Amino acid sequence: MELPKEFEVKMQQLLQEEYVDFIKSYQAPKAQGLRVNTLKVSKEDFEQISPFSLKSIPWVAEGYFYGAEERPGKHPYHEAGLYYIQEPSAMAVGEILDPQPGERILDLCAAPGGKTTHIAQRMKGQGLLVTNELYSARAKVLSQNVERMGIKNAVVTNETPARLAERFPSYFDRVMVDAPCSGEGMFRKDPEARAEWSLANVAQCAFRQLDILQQAADMLKPGGRLVYSTCTFSPEENEGVISKFIKENPHFIIEDVKTFAGFAHGRKEWVQDPAPGIAKTIRLWPHQLQGEGHFIAVLQKTDGDESGRRRYIKPLKDTKLLKSYLDFASENLLSAPKGDFLLFGDHLYLVPNEMLSLDQLKVIRPGWHLGTIKKNRFEPSHALALSLTTAEVKQHWNLSVDSREVYSYLRGESLQADAPKGWYLVDVSGFPLGWGKLSDHILKNHFPKGLRWMN
């Protein structure tokens, strides 16, 4: 593997006697991991049904290493949202944030969704999760992963940190900032990161990160926890950004973090004027543990103003517009999801409690997508299917995990079926995959076209 020369020189100066072990790590195979989605299945039950060779990741309860030759992204359980494929070191960030059910949490730089989905499963469907991505194409991928994992209490936005800070001052209990960075920690697995790296880009990233961190801090309520992370080794982007931020925001302190074998601490000798407690930050090195490079800092806001007027979202009150949905729910569900409804175009959503107004914000997903209201009928969404269980519907169509039919369904093909007509929740081994509508012995496929597998 060819690394940028200036990067090698820089790391040798920083690491000195550690450099030999560090550079050798680039010859070792990358670690591969998945995190079980406990919104859908317990880790114990997943271990029983998993077709993969799994080994527990020490620093995250639901995390596992899997074999180098295995392809969990090409398995029906992936489409059912039973797990999220995530780099093992990156899982430490969601663990350290320590989200709790019922809280208001923001993931500010969230795509593609690894940390968002980790946060959501720890919230257990309770509270409000706002998950944001600046770039629209990446925000759509984020939204798809929120959907696949069956998350009901998330709002997906496509905004700048500054615009969100205007709307959510001192609002969140916890904020995650997985900041855009120079990507040095991903060099072993990402050739593009190696190709784009430069010292100038490192400096540019550090400048941008400090601005993002300031906007995030403004959205954290007093007493709240902010976790800042990067996937780079650069002190300018890590200890340097945190030290500058603490100097400009003395009402923040650096918290202690529980560590595991292989976790290292921040290096105060690598920055000028280090912040008090900078050694409490965490560094993950590829030559010290089974994972890529990461930096994590936990900050607490000790003071601030929580006052200010807030405009909350206005739910849909017109029950006539809900008639087709309520009719569908009565015919097909054992209990209808209830709460604050929002009609977004012709799409019907349930909005999480305590959500502020979305007016003039770019929103990809304003809550739990239930379906589409069309002329005199309601069509259920893929998000509704993936957030239900077979025990919540009147009719479901079970497919065996090793059957030909399950792969036919994932390719968008209709299935032969001899059963009463109507909507069916199609499942694999009891875990929903999507909808099918049965008529004249044919189960018409409603698995989304954009997600269908190729032949």
Protein backbone atom coordinates (compact mmCIF):
# COMPACT_ATOMS: atom_id res chain seq x y z
CA MET A 1 0.00 0.00 0.00
CA GLU A 2 1.41 3.38 -1.02
CA LEU A 3 0.90 6.13 1.54
CA PRO A 4 1.38 9.88 0.98
CA LYS A 5 5.03 10.70 1.67
CA GLU A 6 4.27 13.80 3.73
CA PHE A 7 1.89 11.73 5.85
CA GLU A 8 4.62 9.16 6.54
CA VAL A 9 7.11 11.86 7.53
CA LYS A 10 4.57 13.52 9.82
CA MET A 11 3.57 10.26 11.54
CA GLN A 12 7.19 9.25 12.06
CA GLN A 13 7.86 12.58 13.79
CA LEU A 14 4.79 12.13 16.01
CA LEU A 15 5.05 8.45 16.89
CA GLN A 16 8.84 8.02 16.94
CA GLU A 17 9.53 4.54 18.39
CA GLU A 18 5.89 3.50 17.79
CA TYR A 19 6.13 4.28 14.09
CA VAL A 20 7.46 0.87 13.03
CA ASP A 21 4.48 -0.96 14.55
CA PHE A 22 2.11 1.66 13.18
CA ILE A 23 3.34 1.36 9.60
CA LYS A 24 3.30 -2.45 9.80
CA SER A 25 -0.44 -2.31 10.57
CA TYR A 26 -1.05 -1.22 6.96
CA GLN A 27 0.04 -4.69 5.82
CA ALA A 28 -2.51 -6.41 8.07
CA PRO A 29 -6.05 -7.13 6.82
CA LYS A 30 -8.71 -4.63 7.85
CA ALA A 31 -11.16 -5.62 10.58
CA GLN A 32 -14.77 -6.07 9.56
CA GLY A 33 -17.70 -5.63 11.90
CA LEU A 34 -21.46 -5.60 12.21
CA ARG A 35 -23.69 -4.31 14.98
CA VAL A 36 -26.88 -6.19 15.85
CA ASN A 37 -30.02 -4.04 15.68
CA THR A 38 -31.63 -4.65 19.05
CA LEU A 39 -34.76 -2.77 17.95
CA LYS A 40 -35.53 -5.97 16.01
CA VAL A 41 -33.64 -8.87 17.54
CA SER A 42 -31.68 -9.55 20.72
CA LYS A 43 -28.01 -10.28 20.29
CA GLU A 44 -28.55 -13.72 21.88
CA ASP A 45 -31.25 -14.59 19.33
CA PHE A 46 -29.11 -13.24 16.50
CA GLU A 47 -26.23 -15.44 17.56
CA GLN A 48 -28.57 -18.44 17.21
CA ILE A 49 -29.68 -17.61 13.66
CA SER A 50 -26.55 -15.94 12.30
CA PRO A 51 -24.92 -17.68 9.31
CA PHE A 52 -21.67 -15.77 9.95
CA SER A 53 -18.63 -16.56 12.09
CA LEU A 54 -18.94 -13.98 14.87
CA LYS A 55 -16.51 -12.78 17.52
CA SER A 56 -17.56 -10.17 20.10
CA ILE A 57 -16.09 -6.67 19.85
CA PRO A 58 -14.95 -5.79 23.40
CA TRP A 59 -16.00 -2.13 23.41
CA VAL A 60 -19.61 -2.45 22.18
CA ALA A 61 -22.15 -4.88 23.57
CA GLU A 62 -23.97 -5.50 20.27
CA GLY A 63 -20.88 -5.50 18.04
CA TYR A 64 -19.18 -8.45 16.33
CA PHE A 65 -16.24 -9.05 14.07
CA TYR A 66 -17.06 -11.30 11.12
CA GLY A 67 -14.90 -13.34 8.73
CA ALA A 68 -12.93 -11.75 5.93
CA GLU A 69 -14.60 -13.86 3.23
CA GLU A 70 -18.16 -13.36 4.47
CA ARG A 71 -20.59 -10.93 2.81
CA PRO A 72 -23.33 -9.99 5.30
CA GLY A 73 -24.48 -7.16 3.00
CA LYS A 74 -25.70 -9.80 0.54
CA HIS A 75 -27.95 -11.66 2.96
CA PRO A 76 -31.74 -11.34 3.46
CA TYR A 77 -31.22 -10.53 7.14
CA HIS A 78 -29.43 -7.35 6.05
CA GLU A 79 -32.53 -6.21 4.12
CA ALA A 80 -34.63 -7.05 7.17
CA GLY A 81 -32.49 -4.61 9.18
CA LEU A 82 -31.19 -7.14 11.71
CA TYR A 83 -27.74 -5.55 11.69
CA TYR A 84 -25.70 -2.62 10.44
CA ILE A 85 -22.29 -3.21 8.87
CA GLN A 86 -19.92 -0.80 10.62
CA GLU A 87 -16.19 -0.40 11.08
CA PRO A 88 -15.36 -1.72 14.59
CA SER A 89 -13.53 1.37 15.90
CA ALA A 90 -16.40 3.60 14.78
CA MET A 91 -18.78 1.66 17.02
CA ALA A 92 -16.96 3.04 20.07
CA VAL A 93 -18.36 6.52 19.39
CA GLY A 94 -22.03 5.61 19.82
CA GLU A 95 -21.13 3.56 22.89
CA ILE A 96 -19.35 6.53 24.48
CA LEU A 97 -22.21 8.94 23.68
CA ASP A 98 -24.33 6.65 25.93
CA PRO A 99 -27.77 7.70 24.62
CA GLN A 100 -30.76 7.10 26.90
CA PRO A 101 -34.45 6.41 26.14
CA GLY A 102 -36.62 9.53 26.22
CA GLU A 103 -33.85 12.04 25.50
CA ARG A 104 -33.58 14.59 22.70
CA ILE A 105 -30.47 13.75 20.67
CA LEU A 106 -28.84 15.26 17.58
CA ASP A 107 -26.46 13.50 15.20
CA LEU A 108 -25.14 16.49 13.27
CA CYS A 109 -22.96 14.92 10.53
CA ALA A 110 -24.73 11.61 10.27
CA ALA A 111 -24.45 9.94 6.84
CA PRO A 112 -24.39 7.10 6.05
CA GLY A 113 -26.01 6.33 9.40
CA GLY A 114 -23.83 4.00 11.47
CA LYS A 115 -23.79 6.19 14.55
CA THR A 116 -27.41 7.32 14.06
CA THR A 117 -28.68 3.75 14.01
CA HIS A 118 -26.55 2.91 17.07
CA ILE A 119 -28.03 5.89 18.93
CA ALA A 120 -31.57 4.90 17.90
CA GLN A 121 -31.33 1.35 19.18
CA ARG A 122 -30.08 2.60 22.54
CA MET A 123 -33.03 5.03 22.69
CA LYS A 124 -35.43 2.07 22.30
CA GLY A 125 -37.91 4.11 20.28
CA GLN A 126 -38.37 6.66 23.07
CA GLY A 127 -37.51 10.35 22.71
CA LEU A 128 -36.50 12.41 19.69
CA LEU A 129 -33.55 11.78 17.36
CA VAL A 130 -32.71 14.47 14.82
CA THR A 131 -30.17 13.16 12.32
CA ASN A 132 -28.66 15.53 9.79
CA GLU A 133 -26.48 15.44 6.69
CA LEU A 134 -25.37 18.45 4.66
CA TYR A 135 -25.07 16.72 1.26
CA SER A 136 -28.42 15.70 -0.24
CA ALA A 137 -27.32 12.43 -1.89
CA ARG A 138 -25.75 11.26 1.38
CA ALA A 139 -28.82 12.43 3.32
CA LYS A 140 -30.98 10.10 1.20
CA VAL A 141 -28.70 7.16 2.03
CA LEU A 142 -28.96 8.13 5.70
CA SER A 143 -32.76 8.15 5.42
CA GLN A 144 -32.76 4.71 3.79
CA ASN A 145 -30.72 3.28 6.66
CA VAL A 146 -33.06 4.85 9.22
CA GLU A 147 -35.89 3.11 7.36
CA ARG A 148 -34.15 -0.27 7.06
CA MET A 149 -33.38 -0.40 10.76
CA GLY A 150 -37.04 0.21 11.67
CA ILE A 151 -36.46 3.51 13.51
CA LYS A 152 -39.71 5.30 14.39
CA ASN A 153 -38.54 8.34 16.38
CA ALA A 154 -36.10 9.99 13.94
CA VAL A 155 -36.31 13.14 11.84
CA VAL A 156 -33.81 13.29 8.95
CA THR A 157 -32.72 16.77 7.85
CA ASN A 158 -30.50 18.04 5.04
CA GLU A 159 -29.24 21.30 6.53
CA THR A 160 -26.16 23.30 7.46
CA PRO A 161 -25.18 23.23 11.14
CA ALA A 162 -25.75 27.00 11.30
CA ARG A 163 -29.37 26.71 10.09
CA LEU A 164 -30.10 24.00 12.63
CA ALA A 165 -28.48 26.04 15.41
CA GLU A 166 -30.92 28.86 14.69
CA ARG A 167 -33.88 26.48 15.15
CA PHE A 168 -32.64 24.37 18.09
CA PRO A 169 -30.82 26.63 20.60
CA SER A 170 -29.93 24.81 23.88
CA TYR A 171 -32.38 22.05 22.95
CA PHE A 172 -30.65 18.65 22.94
CA ASP A 173 -29.58 16.43 25.83
CA ARG A 174 -26.78 14.92 23.73
CA VAL A 175 -25.12 15.90 20.48
CA MET A 176 -22.93 13.76 18.25
CA VAL A 177 -20.41 15.47 15.95
CA ASP A 178 -18.68 12.89 13.75
CA ALA A 179 -16.82 15.66 11.97
CA PRO A 180 -15.78 15.59 8.29
CA CYS A 181 -12.03 15.05 8.39
CA SER A 182 -8.92 14.22 6.35
CA GLY A 183 -9.65 10.51 6.78
CA GLU A 184 -6.15 9.36 7.76
CA GLY A 185 -7.62 6.65 9.95
CA MET A 186 -9.34 5.11 6.92
CA PHE A 187 -6.26 4.87 4.67
CA ARG A 188 -6.09 1.09 5.11
CA LYS A 189 -9.60 0.59 3.74
CA ASP A 190 -10.20 3.65 1.54
CA PRO A 191 -7.88 4.39 -1.42
CA GLU A 192 -9.82 7.57 -2.18
CA ALA A 193 -8.93 9.01 1.25
CA ARG A 194 -5.25 8.37 0.53
CA ALA A 195 -5.49 10.01 -2.89
CA GLU A 196 -7.19 13.17 -1.59
CA TRP A 197 -4.94 13.72 1.45
CA SER A 198 -2.68 16.74 1.79
CA LEU A 199 -1.35 18.94 4.58
CA ALA A 200 -3.44 21.78 3.19
CA ASN A 201 -6.57 19.64 3.44
CA VAL A 202 -5.74 18.81 7.06
CA ALA A 203 -5.61 22.54 7.87
CA GLN A 204 -8.84 23.19 5.99
CA CYS A 205 -10.60 20.35 7.82
CA ALA A 206 -9.50 21.67 11.23
CA PHE A 207 -10.89 25.14 10.42
CA ARG A 208 -14.23 23.66 9.33
CA GLN A 209 -14.43 21.29 12.29
CA LEU A 210 -14.09 24.11 14.82
CA ASP A 211 -16.99 25.96 13.19
CA ILE A 212 -19.19 22.82 13.17
CA LEU A 213 -18.33 22.13 16.80
CA GLN A 214 -19.35 25.65 17.80
CA GLN A 215 -22.75 25.29 16.10
CA ALA A 216 -23.24 21.94 17.82
CA ALA A 217 -22.36 23.45 21.20
CA ASP A 218 -25.05 26.09 20.76
CA MET A 219 -27.67 23.33 20.36
CA LEU A 220 -26.67 21.47 23.54
CA LYS A 221 -28.57 22.31 26.69
CA PRO A 222 -26.71 23.06 29.96
CA GLY A 223 -25.55 19.83 31.57
CA GLY A 224 -25.66 18.03 28.23
CA ARG A 225 -23.03 15.77 26.65
CA LEU A 226 -21.33 16.44 23.32
CA VAL A 227 -19.20 13.76 21.67
CA TYR A 228 -16.76 14.90 18.99
CA SER A 229 -15.10 12.27 16.83
CA THR A 230 -12.94 11.99 13.73
CA CYS A 231 -11.39 9.14 11.76
CA THR A 232 -8.01 10.85 11.47
CA PHE A 233 -4.71 10.82 13.38
CA SER A 234 -3.98 14.51 12.78
CA PRO A 235 -3.45 16.46 16.05
CA GLU A 236 -4.60 19.62 14.25
CA GLU A 237 -8.04 18.04 13.76
CA ASN A 238 -8.19 16.31 17.13
CA GLU A 239 -6.48 17.67 20.24
CA GLY A 240 -5.93 20.97 18.41
CA VAL A 241 -9.62 21.54 17.58
CA ILE A 242 -10.74 20.56 21.09
CA SER A 243 -8.15 22.81 22.76
CA LYS A 244 -9.16 25.81 20.65
CA PHE A 245 -12.83 25.12 21.32
CA ILE A 246 -12.36 24.90 25.11
CA LYS A 247 -10.37 28.13 25.08
CA GLU A 248 -13.24 29.90 23.27
CA ASN A 249 -15.95 28.14 25.33
CA PRO A 250 -14.81 27.92 28.98
CA HIS A 251 -18.28 26.68 30.01
CA PHE A 252 -17.32 23.29 28.52
CA ILE A 253 -15.13 20.69 30.19
CA ILE A 254 -13.56 17.47 28.91
CA GLU A 255 -15.04 14.40 30.59
CA ASP A 256 -13.39 11.12 31.53
CA VAL A 257 -14.19 8.18 29.26
CA LYS A 258 -14.36 4.49 30.10
CA THR A 259 -11.62 2.75 28.15
CA PHE A 260 -10.95 -0.78 26.97
CA ALA A 261 -7.78 -2.72 26.14
CA GLY A 262 -6.08 -1.05 23.19
CA PHE A 263 -7.60 2.40 23.80
CA ALA A 264 -5.02 5.17 24.12
CA HIS A 265 -5.35 8.76 25.35
CA GLY A 266 -4.97 12.14 23.71
CA ARG A 267 -1.47 13.60 23.44
CA LYS A 268 -1.10 17.06 24.96
CA GLU A 269 2.51 17.29 23.73
CA TRP A 270 1.27 17.32 20.13
CA VAL A 271 -0.48 20.71 20.36
CA GLN A 272 0.38 24.19 21.50
CA ASP A 273 -1.60 25.43 24.51
CA PRO A 274 -3.46 22.16 25.19
CA ALA A 275 -6.81 22.40 26.96
CA PRO A 276 -7.08 21.21 30.58
CA GLY A 277 -7.93 17.52 30.50
CA ILE A 278 -6.94 17.00 26.85
CA ALA A 279 -5.31 13.69 27.87
CA LYS A 280 -8.81 12.45 28.75
CA THR A 281 -9.64 12.26 25.05
CA ILE A 282 -9.38 8.88 23.33
CA ARG A 283 -7.29 7.65 20.42
CA LEU A 284 -7.80 4.33 18.69
CA TRP A 285 -4.80 3.09 16.72
CA PRO A 286 -4.73 0.25 14.15
CA HIS A 287 -1.50 -1.12 15.64
CA GLN A 288 -3.01 -1.32 19.13
CA LEU A 289 -6.43 -2.85 18.49
CA GLN A 290 -8.49 -4.64 15.84
CA GLY A 291 -9.90 -1.61 14.04
CA GLU A 292 -9.08 1.56 12.14
CA GLY A 293 -7.98 4.98 13.45
CA HIS A 294 -10.35 7.14 15.49
CA PHE A 295 -10.32 10.08 17.90
CA ILE A 296 -13.07 10.72 20.48
CA ALA A 297 -13.60 13.60 22.90
CA VAL A 298 -16.48 13.90 25.38
CA LEU A 299 -17.46 17.43 26.38
CA GLN A 300 -19.94 18.58 29.01
CA LYS A 301 -21.70 21.95 28.92
CA THR A 302 -21.54 23.30 32.46
CA ASP A 303 -23.51 26.53 32.00
CA GLY A 304 -25.72 28.35 29.52
CA ASP A 305 -29.12 29.84 28.78
CA GLU A 306 -31.98 27.40 28.16
CA SER A 307 -34.65 30.06 27.71
CA GLY A 308 -36.19 31.21 24.46
CA ARG A 309 -39.40 30.81 22.51
CA ARG A 310 -39.90 27.55 20.64
CA ARG A 311 -42.34 26.79 17.86
CA TYR A 312 -43.45 23.19 17.86
CA ILE A 313 -44.68 21.30 14.82
CA LYS A 314 -48.39 21.60 14.03
CA PRO A 315 -49.88 18.11 13.65
CA LEU A 316 -52.60 17.22 11.16
CA LYS A 317 -56.08 17.75 12.67
CA ASP A 318 -58.32 16.95 9.67
CA THR A 319 -59.57 13.43 10.36
CA LYS A 320 -61.12 13.23 6.88
CA LEU A 321 -57.61 13.15 5.40
CA LEU A 322 -56.78 10.25 7.72
CA LYS A 323 -59.78 8.12 6.75
CA SER A 324 -58.00 5.96 4.16
CA TYR A 325 -55.12 5.34 6.58
CA LEU A 326 -57.47 4.44 9.42
CA ASP A 327 -59.40 2.12 7.11
CA PHE A 328 -56.16 0.40 6.06
CA ALA A 329 -55.07 0.06 9.69
CA SER A 330 -58.43 -1.40 10.71
CA GLU A 331 -58.32 -3.96 7.91
CA ASN A 332 -54.65 -4.98 8.18
CA LEU A 333 -53.14 -4.08 11.56
CA LEU A 334 -54.03 -5.36 15.01
CA SER A 335 -53.51 -1.85 16.36
CA ALA A 336 -53.07 1.41 14.45
CA PRO A 337 -50.00 3.57 15.17
CA LYS A 338 -51.22 6.75 16.86
CA GLY A 339 -49.71 10.11 17.68
CA ASP A 340 -49.13 13.45 15.96
CA PHE A 341 -49.73 13.00 12.23
CA LEU A 342 -48.12 15.14 9.55
CA LEU A 343 -49.01 15.20 5.86
CA PHE A 344 -45.87 15.93 3.82
CA GLY A 345 -47.20 16.25 0.27
CA ASP A 346 -49.27 13.08 -0.01
CA HIS A 347 -47.02 11.16 2.42
CA LEU A 348 -48.30 10.51 5.93
CA TYR A 349 -45.91 10.55 8.89
CA LEU A 350 -46.02 10.22 12.65
CA VAL A 351 -43.88 12.97 14.16
CA PRO A 352 -41.79 12.29 17.31
CA ASN A 353 -42.88 14.08 20.46
CA GLU A 354 -41.34 17.50 21.18
CA MET A 355 -40.31 18.07 17.57
CA LEU A 356 -39.93 21.75 16.77
CA SER A 357 -41.37 23.34 13.64
CA LEU A 358 -39.83 22.18 10.37
CA ASP A 359 -40.87 25.28 8.44
CA GLN A 360 -38.19 26.46 5.99
CA LEU A 361 -35.86 23.57 6.82
CA LYS A 362 -34.75 20.99 4.26
CA VAL A 363 -36.27 17.77 5.53
CA ILE A 364 -35.82 14.30 4.06
CA ARG A 365 -37.90 12.37 6.60
CA PRO A 366 -40.03 14.27 9.17
CA GLY A 367 -40.75 11.20 11.27
CA TRP A 368 -42.07 7.66 10.94
CA HIS A 369 -43.27 7.24 7.36
CA LEU A 370 -46.58 5.37 7.41
CA GLY A 371 -47.47 5.52 3.73
CA THR A 372 -49.04 7.48 0.90
CA ILE A 373 -52.58 8.83 0.78
CA LYS A 374 -53.89 8.44 -2.74
CA LYS A 375 -57.39 8.92 -4.16
CA ASN A 376 -59.70 6.95 -1.89
CA ARG A 377 -56.94 4.59 -0.77
CA PHE A 378 -53.86 4.32 1.38
CA GLU A 379 -50.65 2.56 0.32
CA PRO A 380 -48.41 1.48 3.21
CA SER A 381 -44.73 2.44 3.14
CA HIS A 382 -41.65 0.26 3.26
CA ALA A 383 -40.75 2.09 6.50
CA LEU A 384 -44.00 0.92 8.09
CA ALA A 385 -43.28 -2.68 7.09
CA LEU A 386 -39.76 -2.62 8.52
CA SER A 387 -40.84 -1.10 11.83
CA LEU A 388 -43.66 -3.59 12.52
CA THR A 389 -43.50 -7.17 13.72
CA THR A 390 -45.48 -10.11 12.38
CA ALA A 391 -47.44 -10.09 15.67
CA GLU A 392 -48.81 -6.62 14.82
CA VAL A 393 -50.43 -7.48 11.49
CA LYS A 394 -53.42 -9.61 10.58
CA GLN A 395 -51.73 -11.34 7.64
CA HIS A 396 -48.09 -12.11 6.96
CA TRP A 397 -46.30 -14.28 4.39
CA ASN A 398 -43.32 -16.17 5.73
CA LEU A 399 -40.32 -17.01 3.55
CA SER A 400 -37.53 -19.33 4.59
CA VAL A 401 -34.08 -17.72 4.73
CA ASP A 402 -32.61 -20.33 2.39
CA SER A 403 -35.54 -20.51 -0.01
CA ARG A 404 -35.60 -19.51 -3.67
CA GLU A 405 -38.68 -17.37 -2.97
CA VAL A 406 -36.92 -14.99 -0.58
CA TYR A 407 -34.39 -14.06 -3.27
CA SER A 408 -37.20 -13.77 -5.84
CA TYR A 409 -38.95 -11.32 -3.53
CA LEU A 410 -35.79 -9.24 -3.06
CA ARG A 411 -35.44 -9.06 -6.86
CA GLY A 412 -38.95 -7.60 -7.08
CA GLU A 413 -40.67 -10.66 -8.50
CA SER A 414 -44.26 -11.64 -7.74
CA LEU A 415 -44.88 -14.90 -5.88
CA GLN A 416 -47.44 -17.65 -6.33
CA ALA A 417 -49.72 -17.72 -3.28
CA ASP A 418 -52.90 -19.54 -2.31
CA ALA A 419 -54.47 -17.48 0.46
CA PRO A 420 -57.13 -14.81 1.04
CA LYS A 421 -56.59 -11.56 -0.85
CA GLY A 422 -55.26 -8.39 0.76
CA TRP A 423 -52.07 -6.86 2.12
CA TYR A 424 -49.42 -9.18 3.58
CA LEU A 425 -46.32 -8.34 5.57
CA VAL A 426 -43.64 -10.45 3.84
CA ASP A 427 -41.08 -11.78 6.32
CA VAL A 428 -37.95 -13.91 6.39
CA SER A 429 -37.73 -16.20 9.42
CA GLY A 430 -40.27 -13.96 11.15
CA PHE A 431 -38.49 -10.64 10.39
CA PRO A 432 -40.30 -8.26 7.99
CA LEU A 433 -38.83 -7.53 4.56
CA GLY A 434 -41.65 -5.48 3.01
CA TRP A 435 -45.20 -5.61 1.71
CA GLY A 436 -46.99 -7.80 -0.78
CA LYS A 437 -50.59 -7.53 -2.00
CA LEU A 438 -52.34 -10.79 -2.81
CA SER A 439 -54.99 -11.15 -5.51
CA ASP A 440 -55.93 -14.04 -7.83
CA HIS A 441 -53.26 -16.33 -6.30
CA ILE A 442 -50.47 -13.83 -7.03
CA LEU A 443 -48.64 -11.95 -4.29
CA LYS A 444 -47.74 -8.69 -6.02
CA ASN A 445 -44.33 -7.42 -4.91
CA HIS A 446 -44.10 -4.05 -3.13
CA PHE A 447 -40.40 -4.19 -2.26
CA PRO A 448 -39.09 -0.74 -3.35
CA LYS A 449 -37.66 -0.67 -6.86
CA GLY A 450 -34.56 1.26 -5.82
CA LEU A 451 -33.62 -1.44 -3.29
CA ARG A 452 -34.21 -4.52 -5.42
CA TRP A 453 -31.40 -7.00 -5.90
CA MET A 454 -29.94 -7.58 -9.32
CA ASN A 455 -30.17 -11.00 -10.95
